[in-house]
Amino acid sequence: MNDSTNLPIHHEQMGAICASVWMNQSDAGDPYYVATLSRTYRDPETGEWKGTNSFGQRDLLVVALVAQRAALRISELVQADRRCPLQ
């Protein structure tokens, strides 16, 4: 779905939870949008920052809020795609 040349067009973040919005094109050339959700954390052994797609119980309400914000942004993008170019 996403390759290294395709960058997210929007991010929503609350604390460690992030949604990235991606624009892709259908076989017919029409744009469509998807979101990916992730959580960042610091590895306790190495101190490195890492990312995961796994969420604990405490994360889930934040995931819902971030997903809702991403869904609203995708709705705005879809609506803008449908507008007449002369408006």
PDB file of N, CA and C in Angstrom:
ATOM      1  N   MET A   1       0.817  -1.184   0.000  1.00  0.00           N
ATOM      2  CA  MET A   1       0.000   0.000   0.000  1.00  0.00           C
ATOM      3  C   MET A   1       0.862   1.250   0.000  1.00  0.00           C
ATOM      4  N   ASN A   2       1.847   1.335   0.904  1.00  0.00           N
ATOM      5  CA  ASN A   2       2.694   2.508   0.986  1.00  0.00           C
ATOM      6  C   ASN A   2       4.130   2.086   0.695  1.00  0.00           C
ATOM      7  N   ASP A   3       4.769   2.765  -0.248  1.00  0.00           N
ATOM      8  CA  ASP A   3       6.170   2.465  -0.483  1.00  0.00           C
ATOM      9  C   ASP A   3       7.011   3.631   0.024  1.00  0.00           C
ATOM     10  N   SER A   4       8.306   3.535  -0.101  1.00  0.00           N
ATOM     11  CA  SER A   4       9.195   4.535   0.487  1.00  0.00           C
ATOM     12  C   SER A   4       9.078   5.901  -0.171  1.00  0.00           C
ATOM     13  N   THR A   5       8.527   5.996  -1.372  1.00  0.00           N
ATOM     14  CA  THR A   5       8.379   7.287  -2.032  1.00  0.00           C
ATOM     15  C   THR A   5       7.051   7.935  -1.707  1.00  0.00           C
ATOM     16  N   ASN A   6       6.158   7.221  -1.062  1.00  0.00           N
ATOM     17  CA  ASN A   6       4.841   7.724  -0.714  1.00  0.00           C
ATOM     18  C   ASN A   6       4.877   8.168   0.750  1.00  0.00           C
ATOM     19  N   LEU A   7       4.761   9.481   0.973  1.00  0.00           N
ATOM     20  CA  LEU A   7       4.806  10.004   2.329  1.00  0.00           C
ATOM     21  C   LEU A   7       3.401  10.336   2.805  1.00  0.00           C
ATOM     22  N   PRO A   8       3.164  10.295   4.111  1.00  0.00           N
ATOM     23  CA  PRO A   8       1.846  10.672   4.610  1.00  0.00           C
ATOM     24  C   PRO A   8       1.554  12.134   4.272  1.00  0.00           C
ATOM     25  N   ILE A   9       0.273  12.425   4.041  1.00  0.00           N
ATOM     26  CA  ILE A   9      -0.108  13.801   3.724  1.00  0.00           C
ATOM     27  C   ILE A   9      -0.631  14.536   4.950  1.00  0.00           C
ATOM     28  N   HIS A  10      -0.829  13.810   6.048  1.00  0.00           N
ATOM     29  CA  HIS A  10      -1.340  14.430   7.262  1.00  0.00           C
ATOM     30  C   HIS A  10      -1.027  13.541   8.464  1.00  0.00           C
ATOM     31  N   HIS A  11      -0.807  14.174   9.600  1.00  0.00           N
ATOM     32  CA  HIS A  11      -0.597  13.445  10.856  1.00  0.00           C
ATOM     33  C   HIS A  11      -1.527  14.009  11.919  1.00  0.00           C
ATOM     34  N   GLU A  12      -2.026  13.146  12.755  1.00  0.00           N
ATOM     35  CA  GLU A  12      -2.741  13.526  13.971  1.00  0.00           C
ATOM     36  C   GLU A  12      -2.024  12.832  15.107  1.00  0.00           C
ATOM     37  N   GLN A  13      -1.727  13.571  16.171  1.00  0.00           N
ATOM     38  CA  GLN A  13      -1.008  12.951  17.275  1.00  0.00           C
ATOM     39  C   GLN A  13      -1.532  13.471  18.604  1.00  0.00           C
ATOM     40  N   MET A  14      -1.653  12.564  19.548  1.00  0.00           N
ATOM     41  CA  MET A  14      -1.949  12.865  20.946  1.00  0.00           C
ATOM     42  C   MET A  14      -1.015  12.002  21.776  1.00  0.00           C
ATOM     43  N   GLY A  15      -0.087  12.629  22.435  1.00  0.00           N
ATOM     44  CA  GLY A  15       0.880  11.869  23.224  1.00  0.00           C
ATOM     45  C   GLY A  15       1.656  10.914  22.346  1.00  0.00           C
ATOM     46  N   ALA A  16       1.664   9.655  22.723  1.00  0.00           N
ATOM     47  CA  ALA A  16       2.438   8.647  21.999  1.00  0.00           C
ATOM     48  C   ALA A  16       1.674   8.033  20.828  1.00  0.00           C
ATOM     49  N   ILE A  17       0.385   8.405  20.666  1.00  0.00           N
ATOM     50  CA  ILE A  17      -0.446   7.798  19.623  1.00  0.00           C
ATOM     51  C   ILE A  17      -0.489   8.712  18.408  1.00  0.00           C
ATOM     52  N   CYS A  18      -0.260   8.140  17.232  1.00  0.00           N
ATOM     53  CA  CYS A  18      -0.221   8.918  15.992  1.00  0.00           C
ATOM     54  C   CYS A  18      -1.012   8.212  14.894  1.00  0.00           C
ATOM     55  N   ALA A  19      -1.748   9.013  14.142  1.00  0.00           N
ATOM     56  CA  ALA A  19      -2.392   8.520  12.913  1.00  0.00           C
ATOM     57  C   ALA A  19      -1.742   9.236  11.739  1.00  0.00           C
ATOM     58  N   SER A  20      -1.360   8.493  10.747  1.00  0.00           N
ATOM     59  CA  SER A  20      -0.834   9.050   9.505  1.00  0.00           C
ATOM     60  C   SER A  20      -1.860   8.809   8.415  1.00  0.00           C
ATOM     61  N   VAL A  21      -2.164   9.854   7.653  1.00  0.00           N
ATOM     62  CA  VAL A  21      -3.118   9.754   6.550  1.00  0.00           C
ATOM     63  C   VAL A  21      -2.318   9.697   5.256  1.00  0.00           C
ATOM     64  N   TRP A  22      -2.672   8.737   4.439  1.00  0.00           N
ATOM     65  CA  TRP A  22      -1.981   8.494   3.170  1.00  0.00           C
ATOM     66  C   TRP A  22      -2.958   8.660   2.027  1.00  0.00           C
ATOM     67  N   MET A  23      -2.496   9.230   0.918  1.00  0.00           N
ATOM     68  CA  MET A  23      -3.294   9.290  -0.300  1.00  0.00           C
ATOM     69  C   MET A  23      -2.744   8.254  -1.271  1.00  0.00           C
ATOM     70  N   ASN A  24      -3.630   7.457  -1.806  1.00  0.00           N
ATOM     71  CA  ASN A  24      -3.279   6.470  -2.817  1.00  0.00           C
ATOM     72  C   ASN A  24      -4.165   6.699  -4.036  1.00  0.00           C
ATOM     73  N   GLN A  25      -3.892   5.996  -5.106  1.00  0.00           N
ATOM     74  CA  GLN A  25      -4.717   6.099  -6.311  1.00  0.00           C
ATOM     75  C   GLN A  25      -5.230   4.723  -6.688  1.00  0.00           C
ATOM     76  N   SER A  26      -6.519   4.703  -7.061  1.00  0.00           N
ATOM     77  CA  SER A  26      -7.109   3.453  -7.530  1.00  0.00           C
ATOM     78  C   SER A  26      -6.569   3.135  -8.917  1.00  0.00           C
ATOM     79  N   ASP A  27      -6.890   1.960  -9.412  1.00  0.00           N
ATOM     80  CA  ASP A  27      -6.477   1.588 -10.775  1.00  0.00           C
ATOM     81  C   ASP A  27      -7.051   2.552 -11.810  1.00  0.00           C
ATOM     82  N   ALA A  28      -8.200   3.162 -11.494  1.00  0.00           N
ATOM     83  CA  ALA A  28      -8.828   4.133 -12.395  1.00  0.00           C
ATOM     84  C   ALA A  28      -8.213   5.521 -12.260  1.00  0.00           C
ATOM     85  N   GLY A  29      -7.280   5.700 -11.321  1.00  0.00           N
ATOM     86  CA  GLY A  29      -6.617   6.984 -11.135  1.00  0.00           C
ATOM     87  C   GLY A  29      -7.287   7.897 -10.119  1.00  0.00           C
ATOM     88  N   ASP A  30      -8.339   7.414  -9.471  1.00  0.00           N
ATOM     89  CA  ASP A  30      -9.039   8.222  -8.479  1.00  0.00           C
ATOM     90  C   ASP A  30      -8.316   8.145  -7.140  1.00  0.00           C
ATOM     91  N   PRO A  31      -8.219   9.272  -6.441  1.00  0.00           N
ATOM     92  CA  PRO A  31      -7.559   9.234  -5.136  1.00  0.00           C
ATOM     93  C   PRO A  31      -8.449   8.579  -4.081  1.00  0.00           C
ATOM     94  N   TYR A  32      -7.819   7.897  -3.152  1.00  0.00           N
ATOM     95  CA  TYR A  32      -8.500   7.408  -1.958  1.00  0.00           C
ATOM     96  C   TYR A  32      -7.516   7.511  -0.800  1.00  0.00           C
ATOM     97  N   TYR A  33      -8.054   7.525   0.392  1.00  0.00           N
ATOM     98  CA  TYR A  33      -7.253   7.812   1.568  1.00  0.00           C
ATOM     99  C   TYR A  33      -7.362   6.679   2.582  1.00  0.00           C
ATOM    100  N   VAL A  34      -6.258   6.421   3.252  1.00  0.00           N
ATOM    101  CA  VAL A  34      -6.216   5.427   4.320  1.00  0.00           C
ATOM    102  C   VAL A  34      -5.431   6.028   5.488  1.00  0.00           C
ATOM    103  N   ALA A  35      -5.628   5.449   6.656  1.00  0.00           N
ATOM    104  CA  ALA A  35      -4.890   5.901   7.835  1.00  0.00           C
ATOM    105  C   ALA A  35      -4.211   4.707   8.492  1.00  0.00           C
ATOM    106  N   THR A  36      -3.043   4.962   9.020  1.00  0.00           N
ATOM    107  CA  THR A  36      -2.343   3.975   9.824  1.00  0.00           C
ATOM    108  C   THR A  36      -2.195   4.547  11.235  1.00  0.00           C
ATOM    109  N   LEU A  37      -2.287   3.693  12.224  1.00  0.00           N
ATOM    110  CA  LEU A  37      -2.159   4.107  13.622  1.00  0.00           C
ATOM    111  C   LEU A  37      -0.922   3.473  14.231  1.00  0.00           C
ATOM    112  N   SER A  38      -0.231   4.232  15.058  1.00  0.00           N
ATOM    113  CA  SER A  38       0.962   3.703  15.714  1.00  0.00           C
ATOM    114  C   SER A  38       1.125   4.330  17.090  1.00  0.00           C
ATOM    115  N   ARG A  39       1.970   3.698  17.875  1.00  0.00           N
ATOM    116  CA  ARG A  39       2.311   4.192  19.208  1.00  0.00           C
ATOM    117  C   ARG A  39       3.823   4.178  19.337  1.00  0.00           C
ATOM    118  N   THR A  40       4.392   5.269  19.812  1.00  0.00           N
ATOM    119  CA  THR A  40       5.832   5.309  20.042  1.00  0.00           C
ATOM    120  C   THR A  40       6.114   4.984  21.505  1.00  0.00           C
ATOM    121  N   TYR A  41       7.274   4.400  21.730  1.00  0.00           N
ATOM    122  CA  TYR A  41       7.702   4.072  23.085  1.00  0.00           C
ATOM    123  C   TYR A  41       9.221   3.997  23.117  1.00  0.00           C
ATOM    124  N   ARG A  42       9.757   4.162  24.290  1.00  0.00           N
ATOM    125  CA  ARG A  42      11.209   4.043  24.458  1.00  0.00           C
ATOM    126  C   ARG A  42      11.527   2.637  24.946  1.00  0.00           C
ATOM    127  N   ASP A  43      12.411   1.960  24.216  1.00  0.00           N
ATOM    128  CA  ASP A  43      12.844   0.615  24.597  1.00  0.00           C
ATOM    129  C   ASP A  43      13.590   0.709  25.926  1.00  0.00           C
ATOM    130  N   PRO A  44      13.116  -0.013  26.937  1.00  0.00           N
ATOM    131  CA  PRO A  44      13.758   0.102  28.249  1.00  0.00           C
ATOM    132  C   PRO A  44      15.189  -0.430  28.290  1.00  0.00           C
ATOM    133  N   GLU A  45      15.533  -1.317  27.372  1.00  0.00           N
ATOM    134  CA  GLU A  45      16.887  -1.890  27.377  1.00  0.00           C
ATOM    135  C   GLU A  45      17.890  -1.009  26.636  1.00  0.00           C
ATOM    136  N   THR A  46      17.478  -0.452  25.497  1.00  0.00           N
ATOM    137  CA  THR A  46      18.415   0.319  24.675  1.00  0.00           C
ATOM    138  C   THR A  46      18.227   1.827  24.787  1.00  0.00           C
ATOM    139  N   GLY A  47      17.059   2.250  25.271  1.00  0.00           N
ATOM    140  CA  GLY A  47      16.772   3.679  25.319  1.00  0.00           C
ATOM    141  C   GLY A  47      16.339   4.253  23.982  1.00  0.00           C
ATOM    142  N   GLU A  48      16.297   3.412  22.955  1.00  0.00           N
ATOM    143  CA  GLU A  48      15.887   3.855  21.610  1.00  0.00           C
ATOM    144  C   GLU A  48      14.389   4.078  21.544  1.00  0.00           C
ATOM    145  N   TRP A  49      13.977   5.065  20.717  1.00  0.00           N
ATOM    146  CA  TRP A  49      12.558   5.253  20.433  1.00  0.00           C
ATOM    147  C   TRP A  49      12.149   4.275  19.352  1.00  0.00           C
ATOM    148  N   LYS A  50      11.022   3.618  19.551  1.00  0.00           N
ATOM    149  CA  LYS A  50      10.512   2.643  18.590  1.00  0.00           C
ATOM    150  C   LYS A  50       9.029   2.881  18.377  1.00  0.00           C
ATOM    151  N   GLY A  51       8.489   2.229  17.369  1.00  0.00           N
ATOM    152  CA  GLY A  51       7.068   2.327  17.086  1.00  0.00           C
ATOM    153  C   GLY A  51       6.424   0.954  17.037  1.00  0.00           C
ATOM    154  N   THR A  52       5.140   0.921  17.363  1.00  0.00           N
ATOM    155  CA  THR A  52       4.389  -0.328  17.330  1.00  0.00           C
ATOM    156  C   THR A  52       2.961  -0.060  16.891  1.00  0.00           C
ATOM    157  N   ASN A  53       2.304  -1.089  16.404  1.00  0.00           N
ATOM    158  CA  ASN A  53       0.889  -1.022  16.048  1.00  0.00           C
ATOM    159  C   ASN A  53       0.051  -1.761  17.076  1.00  0.00           C
ATOM    160  N   SER A  54       0.601  -1.978  18.250  1.00  0.00           N
ATOM    161  CA  SER A  54      -0.073  -2.663  19.337  1.00  0.00           C
ATOM    162  C   SER A  54      -0.410  -1.632  20.412  1.00  0.00           C
ATOM    163  N   PHE A  55      -1.634  -1.733  20.966  1.00  0.00           N
ATOM    164  CA  PHE A  55      -2.099  -0.739  21.915  1.00  0.00           C
ATOM    165  C   PHE A  55      -2.622  -1.421  23.171  1.00  0.00           C
ATOM    166  N   GLY A  56      -2.274  -0.867  24.319  1.00  0.00           N
ATOM    167  CA  GLY A  56      -2.770  -1.373  25.582  1.00  0.00           C
ATOM    168  C   GLY A  56      -4.122  -0.754  25.924  1.00  0.00           C
ATOM    169  N   GLN A  57      -4.723  -1.256  26.965  1.00  0.00           N
ATOM    170  CA  GLN A  57      -6.037  -0.774  27.389  1.00  0.00           C
ATOM    171  C   GLN A  57      -6.017   0.730  27.637  1.00  0.00           C
ATOM    172  N   ARG A  58      -4.967   1.251  28.255  1.00  0.00           N
ATOM    173  CA  ARG A  58      -4.878   2.686  28.542  1.00  0.00           C
ATOM    174  C   ARG A  58      -4.764   3.518  27.274  1.00  0.00           C
ATOM    175  N   ASP A  59      -4.312   2.925  26.182  1.00  0.00           N
ATOM    176  CA  ASP A  59      -4.145   3.658  24.921  1.00  0.00           C
ATOM    177  C   ASP A  59      -5.440   3.774  24.121  1.00  0.00           C
ATOM    178  N   LEU A  60      -6.389   2.906  24.356  1.00  0.00           N
ATOM    179  CA  LEU A  60      -7.499   2.739  23.415  1.00  0.00           C
ATOM    180  C   LEU A  60      -8.403   3.960  23.277  1.00  0.00           C
ATOM    181  N   LEU A  61      -8.663   4.688  24.344  1.00  0.00           N
ATOM    182  CA  LEU A  61      -9.482   5.901  24.202  1.00  0.00           C
ATOM    183  C   LEU A  61      -8.744   6.963  23.390  1.00  0.00           C
ATOM    184  N   VAL A  62      -7.441   7.066  23.581  1.00  0.00           N
ATOM    185  CA  VAL A  62      -6.645   8.008  22.790  1.00  0.00           C
ATOM    186  C   VAL A  62      -6.604   7.566  21.329  1.00  0.00           C
ATOM    187  N   VAL A  63      -6.474   6.264  21.106  1.00  0.00           N
ATOM    188  CA  VAL A  63      -6.522   5.736  19.737  1.00  0.00           C
ATOM    189  C   VAL A  63      -7.841   6.146  19.072  1.00  0.00           C
ATOM    190  N   ALA A  64      -8.945   6.007  19.813  1.00  0.00           N
ATOM    191  CA  ALA A  64     -10.255   6.365  19.263  1.00  0.00           C
ATOM    192  C   ALA A  64     -10.315   7.846  18.899  1.00  0.00           C
ATOM    193  N   LEU A  65      -9.789   8.709  19.757  1.00  0.00           N
ATOM    194  CA  LEU A  65      -9.805  10.146  19.472  1.00  0.00           C
ATOM    195  C   LEU A  65      -8.936  10.502  18.269  1.00  0.00           C
ATOM    196  N   VAL A  66      -7.753   9.914  18.210  1.00  0.00           N
ATOM    197  CA  VAL A  66      -6.846  10.182  17.091  1.00  0.00           C
ATOM    198  C   VAL A  66      -7.450   9.630  15.791  1.00  0.00           C
ATOM    199  N   ALA A  67      -8.052   8.445  15.857  1.00  0.00           N
ATOM    200  CA  ALA A  67      -8.698   7.866  14.675  1.00  0.00           C
ATOM    201  C   ALA A  67      -9.861   8.749  14.219  1.00  0.00           C
ATOM    202  N   GLN A  68     -10.615   9.293  15.166  1.00  0.00           N
ATOM    203  CA  GLN A  68     -11.722  10.179  14.802  1.00  0.00           C
ATOM    204  C   GLN A  68     -11.211  11.429  14.099  1.00  0.00           C
ATOM    205  N   ARG A  69     -10.143  12.019  14.606  1.00  0.00           N
ATOM    206  CA  ARG A  69      -9.552  13.198  13.954  1.00  0.00           C
ATOM    207  C   ARG A  69      -9.075  12.861  12.547  1.00  0.00           C
ATOM    208  N   ALA A  70      -8.443  11.692  12.388  1.00  0.00           N
ATOM    209  CA  ALA A  70      -7.974  11.274  11.060  1.00  0.00           C
ATOM    210  C   ALA A  70      -9.161  11.060  10.126  1.00  0.00           C
ATOM    211  N   ALA A  71     -10.242  10.469  10.639  1.00  0.00           N
ATOM    212  CA  ALA A  71     -11.433  10.243   9.814  1.00  0.00           C
ATOM    213  C   ALA A  71     -12.039  11.564   9.365  1.00  0.00           C
ATOM    214  N   LEU A  72     -12.077  12.557  10.249  1.00  0.00           N
ATOM    215  CA  LEU A  72     -12.594  13.872   9.869  1.00  0.00           C
ATOM    216  C   LEU A  72     -11.727  14.521   8.789  1.00  0.00           C
ATOM    217  N   ARG A  73     -10.412  14.384   8.935  1.00  0.00           N
ATOM    218  CA  ARG A  73      -9.507  14.948   7.914  1.00  0.00           C
ATOM    219  C   ARG A  73      -9.699  14.244   6.583  1.00  0.00           C
ATOM    220  N   ILE A  74      -9.847  12.932   6.590  1.00  0.00           N
ATOM    221  CA  ILE A  74     -10.085  12.197   5.348  1.00  0.00           C
ATOM    222  C   ILE A  74     -11.402  12.646   4.725  1.00  0.00           C
ATOM    223  N   SER A  75     -12.426  12.868   5.528  1.00  0.00           N
ATOM    224  CA  SER A  75     -13.706  13.365   4.994  1.00  0.00           C
ATOM    225  C   SER A  75     -13.526  14.714   4.324  1.00  0.00           C
ATOM    226  N   GLU A  76     -12.733  15.599   4.920  1.00  0.00           N
ATOM    227  CA  GLU A  76     -12.456  16.907   4.311  1.00  0.00           C
ATOM    228  C   GLU A  76     -11.738  16.745   2.981  1.00  0.00           C
ATOM    229  N   LEU A  77     -10.773  15.838   2.937  1.00  0.00           N
ATOM    230  CA  LEU A  77     -10.020  15.615   1.698  1.00  0.00           C
ATOM    231  C   LEU A  77     -10.918  15.054   0.600  1.00  0.00           C
ATOM    232  N   VAL A  78     -11.776  14.100   0.949  1.00  0.00           N
ATOM    233  CA  VAL A  78     -12.702  13.519  -0.029  1.00  0.00           C
ATOM    234  C   VAL A  78     -13.651  14.594  -0.552  1.00  0.00           C
ATOM    235  N   GLN A  79     -14.157  15.415   0.354  1.00  0.00           N
ATOM    236  CA  GLN A  79     -15.063  16.487  -0.055  1.00  0.00           C
ATOM    237  C   GLN A  79     -14.363  17.463  -0.983  1.00  0.00           C
ATOM    238  N   ALA A  80     -13.114  17.806  -0.678  1.00  0.00           N
ATOM    239  CA  ALA A  80     -12.350  18.715  -1.541  1.00  0.00           C
ATOM    240  C   ALA A  80     -12.106  18.089  -2.914  1.00  0.00           C
ATOM    241  N   ASP A  81     -11.887  16.772  -2.970  1.00  0.00           N
ATOM    242  CA  ASP A  81     -11.674  16.092  -4.250  1.00  0.00           C
ATOM    243  C   ASP A  81     -12.915  16.146  -5.131  1.00  0.00           C
ATOM    244  N   ARG A  82     -14.078  16.203  -4.507  1.00  0.00           N
ATOM    245  CA  ARG A  82     -15.341  16.166  -5.261  1.00  0.00           C
ATOM    246  C   ARG A  82     -15.798  17.537  -5.725  1.00  0.00           C
ATOM    247  N   ARG A  83     -15.161  18.602  -5.233  1.00  0.00           N
ATOM    248  CA  ARG A  83     -15.569  19.955  -5.619  1.00  0.00           C
ATOM    249  C   ARG A  83     -15.197  20.225  -7.071  1.00  0.00           C
ATOM    250  N   CYS A  84     -15.957  21.094  -7.668  1.00  0.00           N
ATOM    251  CA  CYS A  84     -15.674  21.538  -9.033  1.00  0.00           C
ATOM    252  C   CYS A  84     -14.360  22.315  -9.026  1.00  0.00           C
ATOM    253  N   PRO A  85     -13.470  22.076  -9.974  1.00  0.00           N
ATOM    254  CA  PRO A  85     -12.173  22.750  -9.994  1.00  0.00           C
ATOM    255  C   PRO A  85     -12.290  24.273 -10.160  1.00  0.00           C
ATOM    256  N   LEU A  86     -13.437  24.757 -10.647  1.00  0.00           N
ATOM    257  CA  LEU A  86     -13.601  26.194 -10.870  1.00  0.00           C
ATOM    258  C   LEU A  86     -14.093  26.933  -9.626  1.00  0.00           C
ATOM    259  N   GLN A  87     -14.415  26.233  -8.561  1.00  0.00           N
ATOM    260  CA  GLN A  87     -14.898  26.896  -7.344  1.00  0.00           C
ATOM    261  C   GLN A  87     -13.750  27.433  -6.537  1.00  0.00           C
TER     262      GLN A  87
END
